């Protein structure tokens, strides 16, 4: 179990900020502390007794304006395993659908005095706006094409645990729909801070302008992009964010950019495969390859998600306690 010495009760400054809105703004030491705490939760989650009291008496509200399975479920599970009161707000049946603005929603939630608000929204910047209007801590569970910080953290944790070392010097290749992906943006930021070399591969229509400013290497073909790769991170086509035709056809996209065993040969012999989900098998990744336990980290990514979200919840509550004590 994660001991009380390492929990919020110890008031250790695991995290310096009130909110977790993105990887941008975090230092390498901030990321490492969250990953180290997450590591301990991975082990405790594998025990028969998984319950903690870190969030006892605390309220967590999950506010998802976009559909989600893995992220919302793992945040709910994380909050309950930490002993908190977890409320999942159904946005589809709420006043928001009746015309209530985001500011009105913030004021309503504020009156309920939650301790942590987990928000996913289709518009970039919306979670930052909410964070400015509420008194509690806010975690960004994905805002538009902007950021998804806990996904990047769980990806880093999955890599670190499998290779049993830090990420310095790794060559990580992110392939697919980079333009519409908040996962890509958060991973590019995190991996760069952790000393990895990042490449992106995709058709020009799915690569945002100015991507090189983030310190990544840009490729338009899989053979060149995957050369000497240690980690290959595949992304789905986010058709719900597309207006217009970004690829000629799904079949042609898979032939050029879908990862299969033939394209995997371009990478290092022991290269590992990742995917944040949901997967479109036969579109961006071969189904058999996705299930290859020797090469795929996809199942580990799901497991790491609960541990990372437990660590982030603990870190924010710890910071709240420190701030209260200081005042």
Protein backbone atom coordinates (compact mmCIF):
# COMPACT_ATOMS: atom_id res chain seq x y z
CA UNK A 1 0.00 0.00 0.00
CA UNK A 2 1.04 3.62 -0.42
CA UNK A 3 1.93 4.52 3.16
CA UNK A 4 0.47 7.50 4.97
CA UNK A 5 4.00 8.95 4.96
CA UNK A 6 3.68 9.28 1.20
CA UNK A 7 0.06 10.42 1.22
CA UNK A 8 -1.58 13.81 1.57
CA UNK A 9 -1.42 13.50 5.34
CA UNK A 10 2.33 14.06 5.27
CA UNK A 11 1.95 17.42 3.49
CA UNK A 12 4.87 16.63 1.21
CA UNK A 13 5.02 19.06 -1.72
CA UNK A 14 4.67 16.48 -4.52
CA UNK A 15 3.14 19.14 -6.76
CA UNK A 16 3.52 22.93 -6.72
CA UNK A 17 0.37 24.09 -8.45
CA UNK A 18 -3.33 24.38 -7.67
CA UNK A 19 -4.42 22.84 -10.99
CA UNK A 20 -3.19 20.33 -13.56
CA UNK A 21 -4.15 21.98 -16.83
CA UNK A 22 -1.35 20.80 -19.09
CA UNK A 23 2.22 19.57 -19.38
CA UNK A 24 3.23 23.02 -20.57
CA UNK A 25 4.49 24.91 -17.54
CA UNK A 26 5.68 21.83 -15.67
CA UNK A 27 9.36 21.19 -15.05
CA UNK A 28 11.05 17.82 -15.38
CA UNK A 29 11.17 17.49 -11.58
CA UNK A 30 7.39 18.06 -11.37
CA UNK A 31 6.82 15.27 -13.87
CA UNK A 32 9.24 12.90 -12.16
CA UNK A 33 7.57 13.38 -8.77
CA UNK A 34 4.16 12.56 -10.24
CA UNK A 35 5.57 9.49 -12.01
CA UNK A 36 7.30 8.27 -8.84
CA UNK A 37 4.07 8.59 -6.85
CA UNK A 38 2.18 6.86 -9.66
CA UNK A 39 4.67 3.99 -9.52
CA UNK A 40 3.71 3.31 -5.93
CA UNK A 41 0.03 3.28 -6.79
CA UNK A 42 0.63 0.73 -9.56
CA UNK A 43 1.90 -1.68 -6.93
CA UNK A 44 -0.89 -0.95 -4.42
CA UNK A 45 -3.54 -1.40 -7.14
CA UNK A 46 -2.35 -4.98 -7.62
CA UNK A 47 -3.07 -5.89 -3.98
CA UNK A 48 -6.34 -7.36 -2.74
CA UNK A 49 -7.01 -4.30 -0.56
CA UNK A 50 -6.78 -1.29 -2.88
CA UNK A 51 -8.49 1.29 -0.68
CA UNK A 52 -6.84 4.40 0.77
CA UNK A 53 -8.11 7.25 2.90
CA UNK A 54 -6.28 10.08 1.14
CA UNK A 55 -9.48 11.66 -0.20
CA UNK A 56 -11.72 10.82 2.77
CA UNK A 57 -14.18 13.68 3.21
CA UNK A 58 -13.23 15.14 -0.18
CA UNK A 59 -15.51 15.48 -3.19
CA UNK A 60 -14.46 14.83 -6.79
CA UNK A 61 -16.75 15.88 -9.65
CA UNK A 62 -16.19 14.40 -13.12
CA UNK A 63 -17.58 16.84 -15.69
CA UNK A 64 -17.31 15.38 -19.19
CA UNK A 65 -18.74 17.40 -22.07
CA UNK A 66 -17.35 14.78 -24.48
CA UNK A 67 -17.91 11.04 -24.36
CA UNK A 68 -15.17 9.04 -22.70
CA UNK A 69 -14.73 5.48 -21.48
CA UNK A 70 -11.14 5.00 -20.31
CA UNK A 71 -10.50 8.47 -18.90
CA UNK A 72 -13.80 8.96 -17.08
CA UNK A 73 -13.84 5.41 -15.70
CA UNK A 74 -10.25 5.60 -14.49
CA UNK A 75 -10.82 8.96 -12.78
CA UNK A 76 -13.93 7.54 -11.08
CA UNK A 77 -12.03 4.46 -9.97
CA UNK A 78 -9.07 6.57 -8.84
CA UNK A 79 -11.27 8.81 -6.70
CA UNK A 80 -13.08 5.87 -5.10
CA UNK A 81 -9.88 3.96 -4.36
CA UNK A 82 -8.60 7.04 -2.56
CA UNK A 83 -11.73 7.10 -0.42
CA UNK A 84 -13.32 10.21 -1.96
CA UNK A 85 -16.94 11.00 -2.79
CA UNK A 86 -17.18 10.83 -6.60
CA UNK A 87 -19.94 12.48 -8.63
CA UNK A 88 -20.23 11.90 -12.37
CA UNK A 89 -22.21 14.73 -13.98
CA UNK A 90 -24.22 13.74 -17.01
CA UNK A 91 -23.78 16.78 -19.24
CA UNK A 92 -26.27 15.42 -21.78
CA UNK A 93 -29.15 15.83 -19.29
CA UNK A 94 -27.88 18.89 -17.45
CA UNK A 95 -28.77 22.55 -17.71
CA UNK A 96 -25.84 23.05 -20.07
CA UNK A 97 -27.93 21.47 -22.81
CA UNK A 98 -30.68 23.99 -22.02
CA UNK A 99 -28.42 26.95 -22.76
CA UNK A 100 -26.46 27.37 -19.54
CA UNK A 101 -23.04 28.92 -20.24
CA UNK A 102 -19.74 27.54 -19.06
CA UNK A 103 -19.49 30.44 -16.56
CA UNK A 104 -22.94 29.61 -15.16
CA UNK A 105 -21.85 26.01 -14.78
CA UNK A 106 -18.72 27.10 -12.95
CA UNK A 107 -20.73 29.20 -10.54
CA UNK A 108 -23.17 26.34 -9.90
CA UNK A 109 -20.36 23.88 -9.23
CA UNK A 110 -18.56 26.38 -7.03
CA UNK A 111 -21.61 26.60 -4.78
CA UNK A 112 -21.35 22.83 -4.19
CA UNK A 113 -17.83 23.22 -2.73
CA UNK A 114 -16.09 20.34 -4.52
CA UNK A 115 -12.40 19.74 -3.86
CA UNK A 116 -11.39 18.58 -7.34
CA UNK A 117 -13.08 19.07 -10.69
CA UNK A 118 -12.08 16.83 -13.61
CA UNK A 119 -13.14 18.37 -16.93
CA UNK A 120 -13.19 17.22 -20.54
CA UNK A 121 -14.45 19.67 -23.15
CA UNK A 122 -14.48 19.90 -26.94
CA UNK A 123 -13.15 23.47 -26.98
CA UNK A 124 -9.48 24.28 -26.44
CA UNK A 125 -9.00 26.62 -23.50
CA UNK A 126 -12.38 25.89 -21.91
CA UNK A 127 -10.85 24.02 -18.96
CA UNK A 128 -8.53 26.96 -18.26
CA UNK A 129 -11.57 29.25 -18.23
CA UNK A 130 -13.36 27.03 -15.71
CA UNK A 131 -10.24 26.89 -13.53
CA UNK A 132 -10.27 30.69 -13.30
CA UNK A 133 -13.86 30.72 -12.06
CA UNK A 134 -13.91 28.00 -9.39
CA UNK A 135 -12.26 27.76 -5.99
CA UNK A 136 -11.33 24.08 -6.21
CA UNK A 137 -8.52 22.35 -8.07
CA UNK A 138 -9.13 21.47 -11.73
CA UNK A 139 -7.66 18.63 -13.78
CA UNK A 140 -7.75 18.87 -17.55
CA UNK A 141 -9.04 15.55 -18.90
CA UNK A 142 -8.72 16.82 -22.47
CA UNK A 143 -9.70 20.15 -24.00
CA UNK A 144 -10.22 20.22 -27.75
CA UNK A 145 -6.95 19.74 -29.61
CA UNK A 146 -4.97 21.45 -26.86
CA UNK A 147 -3.78 19.11 -24.07
CA UNK A 148 -4.46 15.86 -22.22
CA UNK A 149 -1.82 15.86 -19.46
CA UNK A 150 -2.75 12.68 -17.58
CA UNK A 151 -2.58 10.69 -20.83
CA UNK A 152 0.99 11.87 -21.42
CA UNK A 153 1.89 11.01 -17.82
CA UNK A 154 0.47 7.49 -18.06
CA UNK A 155 2.23 6.95 -21.40
CA UNK A 156 5.54 7.98 -19.82
CA UNK A 157 4.92 5.71 -16.86
CA UNK A 158 4.14 2.74 -19.11
CA UNK A 159 7.36 3.29 -21.07
CA UNK A 160 9.48 3.82 -17.97
CA UNK A 161 8.24 0.67 -16.28
CA UNK A 162 8.67 -1.54 -19.36
CA UNK A 163 12.22 -0.40 -20.21
CA UNK A 164 13.13 -0.07 -16.50
CA UNK A 165 14.94 3.25 -16.88
CA UNK A 166 14.38 6.94 -17.52
CA UNK A 167 13.35 8.26 -20.92
CA UNK A 168 16.58 10.13 -21.76
CA UNK A 169 17.89 9.26 -25.20
CA UNK A 170 14.83 7.34 -26.36
CA UNK A 171 13.59 7.91 -29.90
CA UNK A 172 9.79 8.13 -29.77
CA UNK A 173 7.78 8.34 -32.98
CA UNK A 174 4.19 9.64 -32.91
CA UNK A 175 2.25 8.66 -36.03
CA UNK A 176 -1.07 9.68 -37.51
CA UNK A 177 -3.47 12.55 -36.92
CA UNK A 178 -1.18 14.99 -35.11
CA UNK A 179 -3.18 18.08 -36.12
CA UNK A 180 -6.27 17.19 -34.09
CA UNK A 181 -4.58 15.34 -31.23
CA UNK A 182 -4.30 16.74 -27.70
CA UNK A 183 -2.53 13.49 -26.80
CA UNK A 184 0.21 14.25 -29.33
CA UNK A 185 0.71 17.78 -28.02
CA UNK A 186 0.99 16.71 -24.37
CA UNK A 187 3.31 13.83 -25.24
CA UNK A 188 5.55 16.03 -27.38
CA UNK A 189 5.89 18.48 -24.49
CA UNK A 190 6.48 15.79 -21.85
CA UNK A 191 8.90 13.66 -23.85
CA UNK A 192 10.96 16.72 -24.75
CA UNK A 193 11.24 17.72 -21.09
CA UNK A 194 12.27 14.15 -20.18
CA UNK A 195 15.17 14.05 -22.65
CA UNK A 196 13.66 11.92 -25.42
CA UNK A 197 13.95 12.62 -29.14
CA UNK A 198 10.51 12.98 -30.71
CA UNK A 199 9.54 12.39 -34.33
CA UNK A 200 6.12 12.79 -35.90
CA UNK A 201 4.95 10.97 -39.00
CA UNK A 202 1.83 11.64 -41.04
CA UNK A 203 0.44 13.08 -44.25
CA UNK A 204 0.93 16.85 -44.63
CA UNK A 205 -2.81 17.39 -44.18
CA UNK A 206 -2.64 15.93 -40.66
CA UNK A 207 0.46 17.77 -39.45
CA UNK A 208 -0.06 21.28 -38.02
CA UNK A 209 1.93 24.20 -39.38
CA UNK A 210 4.94 25.15 -37.26
CA UNK A 211 5.30 21.74 -35.64
CA UNK A 212 9.09 22.04 -35.80
CA UNK A 213 8.89 24.82 -33.18
CA UNK A 214 8.20 22.10 -30.61
CA UNK A 215 11.60 20.54 -31.28
CA UNK A 216 10.30 17.51 -33.18
CA UNK A 217 11.53 15.90 -36.39
CA UNK A 218 8.83 15.75 -39.09
CA UNK A 219 8.45 12.94 -41.62
CA UNK A 220 5.81 12.13 -44.24
CA UNK A 221 6.62 8.46 -44.81
CA UNK A 222 6.76 5.57 -42.35
CA UNK A 223 10.02 4.04 -43.57
CA UNK A 224 12.08 7.17 -42.87
CA UNK A 225 10.14 8.17 -39.76
CA UNK A 226 10.32 4.79 -38.04
CA UNK A 227 14.05 4.26 -38.64
CA UNK A 228 15.75 3.36 -35.32
CA UNK A 229 12.58 4.05 -33.31
CA UNK A 230 12.41 2.75 -29.72
CA UNK A 231 8.74 3.58 -29.17
CA UNK A 232 5.97 3.96 -31.77
CA UNK A 233 2.84 5.79 -30.63
CA UNK A 234 -0.09 5.43 -33.02
CA UNK A 235 -2.99 7.91 -33.05
CA UNK A 236 -6.50 7.48 -34.43
CA UNK A 237 -8.05 9.63 -37.12
CA UNK A 238 -10.19 12.11 -35.20
CA UNK A 239 -12.91 12.45 -37.80
CA UNK A 240 -15.18 14.25 -35.32
CA UNK A 241 -12.78 17.23 -35.39
CA UNK A 242 -12.30 17.24 -39.16
CA UNK A 243 -14.08 19.50 -41.60
CA UNK A 244 -13.27 18.43 -45.12
CA UNK A 245 -11.27 15.57 -46.60
CA UNK A 246 -7.91 15.08 -44.87
CA UNK A 247 -7.16 11.63 -46.34
CA UNK A 248 -8.10 10.20 -49.77
CA UNK A 249 -9.63 7.03 -48.27
CA UNK A 250 -9.35 4.87 -45.14
CA UNK A 251 -7.93 2.03 -47.20
CA UNK A 252 -5.18 4.19 -48.71
CA UNK A 253 -4.42 5.73 -45.29
CA UNK A 254 -3.89 2.28 -43.79
CA UNK A 255 -1.61 1.25 -46.67
CA UNK A 256 0.56 4.33 -46.19
CA UNK A 257 0.38 5.07 -42.46
CA UNK A 258 -1.26 2.12 -40.73
CA UNK A 259 1.20 0.20 -38.55
CA UNK A 260 1.63 -3.49 -39.33
CA UNK A 261 4.45 -5.99 -38.92
CA UNK A 262 6.00 -5.02 -42.28
CA UNK A 263 6.30 -1.34 -41.34
CA UNK A 264 7.41 -2.27 -37.82
CA UNK A 265 10.57 -3.76 -39.37
CA UNK A 266 11.74 -0.20 -40.12
CA UNK A 267 12.09 0.42 -36.37
CA UNK A 268 14.50 -1.16 -33.90
CA UNK A 269 14.06 -4.93 -33.42
CA UNK A 270 12.70 -4.44 -29.90
CA UNK A 271 10.58 -1.35 -30.60
CA UNK A 272 7.41 -1.07 -28.51
CA UNK A 273 3.93 -0.07 -29.71
CA UNK A 274 1.49 2.31 -27.97
CA UNK A 275 -2.00 3.68 -28.64
CA UNK A 276 -4.07 5.98 -26.38
CA UNK A 277 -7.35 4.49 -27.59
CA UNK A 278 -9.92 4.08 -28.80
CA UNK A 279 -8.26 2.00 -31.52
CA UNK A 280 -9.53 1.73 -35.06
CA UNK A 281 -8.18 -1.69 -35.92
CA UNK A 282 -7.27 -1.95 -39.56
CA UNK A 283 -7.15 1.83 -39.93
CA UNK A 284 -4.13 3.04 -37.93
CA UNK A 285 -2.93 -0.28 -36.53
CA UNK A 286 -3.04 -3.97 -37.41
CA UNK A 287 -5.27 -5.89 -35.02
CA UNK A 288 -2.82 -8.73 -34.40
CA UNK A 289 0.02 -6.30 -33.71
CA UNK A 290 -2.11 -4.33 -31.24
CA UNK A 291 -2.63 -7.53 -29.23
CA UNK A 292 1.01 -8.68 -29.38
CA UNK A 293 1.97 -8.76 -25.68
CA UNK A 294 5.69 -8.74 -26.50
CA UNK A 295 5.53 -5.54 -28.56
CA UNK A 296 2.41 -3.73 -27.38
CA UNK A 297 2.10 -1.49 -24.29
CA UNK A 298 -1.58 -0.78 -24.89
CA UNK A 299 -2.90 -2.86 -21.98
CA UNK A 300 -0.28 -1.40 -19.66
CA UNK A 301 -1.39 2.09 -20.68
CA UNK A 302 -4.89 1.36 -19.40
CA UNK A 303 -3.55 0.03 -16.08
CA UNK A 304 -1.19 2.99 -15.66
CA UNK A 305 -4.11 5.37 -16.19
CA UNK A 306 -5.70 4.55 -12.83
CA UNK A 307 -2.39 4.85 -10.95
CA UNK A 308 -1.49 8.17 -12.58
CA UNK A 309 -4.89 9.67 -11.87
CA UNK A 310 -4.69 8.55 -8.24
CA UNK A 311 -1.29 10.24 -7.99
CA UNK A 312 -2.59 13.46 -9.54
CA UNK A 313 -5.59 13.57 -7.21
CA UNK A 314 -3.37 13.01 -4.19
CA UNK A 315 -0.89 15.65 -5.35
CA UNK A 316 -3.59 18.31 -5.74
CA UNK A 317 -5.23 17.54 -2.40
CA UNK A 318 -1.80 17.64 -0.74
CA UNK A 319 -1.20 21.07 -2.26
CA UNK A 320 -4.61 22.24 -1.01
CA UNK A 321 -3.70 21.15 2.54
CA UNK A 322 -0.34 22.93 2.35
CA UNK A 323 -2.01 26.13 1.09
CA UNK A 324 -4.62 25.96 3.87
CA UNK A 325 -1.92 25.44 6.48
CA UNK A 326 0.13 28.36 5.13
CA UNK A 327 -2.89 30.68 5.37
